[in-house]
């Protein structure tokens, strides 16, 4: 709860410190998602991508970490972004909802704009 409060007020360095302490007791996909978001907020995109990839390995049916990685890569590497976009279009999320549909729609728009 403390870490989430720190994130809400934009105190990302302290949030990362709290997360590191908590990780000594529990290691979950949710904590790794939080860590990735903190790294993104700190501008540490390579670290954020590594955390999103770890979450994807821990929870392969979850679309959010793949989409977050896609959004980061859009700013960096066209080749990697295209590969990930194709993977996302073909991705079958464990739970399909309006959020996953919106993610896929954005990826499809990205691919259509390439042509």
Protein backbone atom coordinates (compact mmCIF):
# COMPACT_ATOMS: atom_id res chain seq x y z
CA UNK A 1 0.00 0.00 0.00
CA UNK A 2 2.86 2.37 0.82
CA UNK A 3 4.49 1.72 -2.56
CA UNK A 4 1.22 2.39 -4.40
CA UNK A 5 0.76 5.66 -2.50
CA UNK A 6 4.30 6.66 -3.43
CA UNK A 7 3.54 5.90 -7.08
CA UNK A 8 0.34 7.96 -6.98
CA UNK A 9 2.16 11.04 -5.74
CA UNK A 10 5.00 10.57 -8.22
CA UNK A 11 7.65 9.53 -5.70
CA UNK A 12 9.04 6.82 -7.97
CA UNK A 13 12.47 6.46 -6.39
CA UNK A 14 10.93 5.72 -2.97
CA UNK A 15 8.33 3.48 -4.61
CA UNK A 16 11.12 1.46 -6.21
CA UNK A 17 12.89 1.21 -2.84
CA UNK A 18 9.66 -0.02 -1.17
CA UNK A 19 9.14 -2.52 -3.97
CA UNK A 20 12.66 -3.87 -3.54
CA UNK A 21 12.00 -4.39 0.17
CA UNK A 22 8.69 -6.12 -0.49
CA UNK A 23 10.21 -8.37 -3.13
CA UNK A 24 12.30 -10.00 -0.42
CA UNK A 25 9.06 -11.48 0.92
CA UNK A 26 6.97 -12.07 -2.21
CA UNK A 27 7.71 -12.24 -5.94
CA UNK A 28 4.61 -11.85 -8.12
CA UNK A 29 3.67 -10.72 -11.60
CA UNK A 30 1.77 -7.78 -10.09
CA UNK A 31 4.90 -6.53 -8.33
CA UNK A 32 6.85 -6.84 -11.57
CA UNK A 33 4.14 -4.85 -13.40
CA UNK A 34 4.42 -2.16 -10.74
CA UNK A 35 8.21 -2.22 -11.07
CA UNK A 36 7.91 -1.82 -14.86
CA UNK A 37 5.57 1.16 -14.47
CA UNK A 38 7.95 2.77 -11.99
CA UNK A 39 10.88 2.28 -14.36
CA UNK A 40 8.82 3.81 -17.17
CA UNK A 41 8.01 6.82 -15.00
CA UNK A 42 11.71 7.20 -14.22
CA UNK A 43 12.54 7.03 -17.94
CA UNK A 44 14.39 3.72 -17.55
CA UNK A 45 12.80 2.05 -20.55
CA UNK A 46 15.22 -0.88 -20.93
CA UNK A 47 14.57 -1.92 -17.33
CA UNK A 48 10.82 -1.49 -17.86
CA UNK A 49 10.92 -3.75 -20.93
CA UNK A 50 12.79 -6.43 -18.99
CA UNK A 51 10.14 -6.34 -16.26
CA UNK A 52 7.30 -6.53 -18.81
CA UNK A 53 9.01 -9.53 -20.41
CA UNK A 54 9.31 -11.19 -17.01
CA UNK A 55 5.60 -10.61 -16.35
CA UNK A 56 4.79 -12.13 -19.73
CA UNK A 57 6.83 -15.21 -18.83
CA UNK A 58 5.09 -15.44 -15.45
CA UNK A 59 1.58 -14.84 -16.85
CA UNK A 60 1.58 -15.81 -20.55
CA UNK A 61 -2.16 -15.18 -20.97
CA UNK A 62 -1.85 -11.53 -19.95
CA UNK A 63 -1.85 -9.06 -22.84
CA UNK A 64 -1.01 -5.89 -20.91
CA UNK A 65 2.76 -6.48 -20.53
CA UNK A 66 3.13 -7.23 -24.25
CA UNK A 67 1.21 -4.09 -25.14
CA UNK A 68 3.25 -1.98 -22.71
CA UNK A 69 6.44 -3.32 -24.29
CA UNK A 70 5.02 -2.48 -27.73
CA UNK A 71 4.37 1.10 -26.65
CA UNK A 72 7.93 1.51 -25.41
CA UNK A 73 9.46 -0.07 -28.53
CA UNK A 74 7.44 2.25 -30.78
CA UNK A 75 9.77 5.03 -29.66
CA UNK A 76 12.93 2.99 -30.27
CA UNK A 77 13.03 0.24 -32.89
CA UNK A 78 10.75 -0.12 -35.91
CA UNK A 79 11.86 -3.71 -36.59
CA UNK A 80 11.26 -4.93 -33.04
CA UNK A 81 7.99 -3.00 -32.88
CA UNK A 82 6.70 -4.63 -36.07
CA UNK A 83 7.56 -8.11 -34.80
CA UNK A 84 5.84 -7.45 -31.50
CA UNK A 85 2.84 -5.88 -33.25
CA UNK A 86 2.34 -9.03 -35.31
CA UNK A 87 2.64 -11.11 -32.16
CA UNK A 88 0.02 -8.93 -30.45
CA UNK A 89 -2.42 -9.15 -33.35
CA UNK A 90 -2.25 -12.94 -33.14
CA UNK A 91 -2.22 -13.02 -29.32
CA UNK A 92 -5.10 -14.83 -27.62
CA UNK A 93 -5.52 -13.25 -24.18
CA UNK A 94 -6.72 -15.44 -21.35
CA UNK A 95 -9.50 -12.92 -20.74
CA UNK A 96 -10.83 -10.91 -23.67
CA UNK A 97 -12.53 -7.64 -22.83
CA UNK A 98 -12.90 -4.08 -24.11
CA UNK A 99 -9.39 -3.25 -22.89
CA UNK A 100 -7.72 -6.06 -24.82
CA UNK A 101 -9.86 -5.19 -27.86
CA UNK A 102 -8.67 -1.56 -27.64
CA UNK A 103 -5.05 -2.71 -27.40
CA UNK A 104 -5.44 -4.87 -30.50
CA UNK A 105 -7.18 -2.04 -32.36
CA UNK A 106 -4.27 0.32 -31.63
CA UNK A 107 -1.77 -2.28 -32.82
CA UNK A 108 -3.77 -2.83 -36.01
CA UNK A 109 -3.80 0.95 -36.66
CA UNK A 110 -0.02 0.98 -36.19
CA UNK A 111 0.43 -1.82 -38.72
CA UNK A 112 -1.96 -0.20 -41.22
CA UNK A 113 -0.06 3.09 -41.00
CA UNK A 114 3.15 1.31 -41.98
CA UNK A 115 1.76 0.60 -45.44
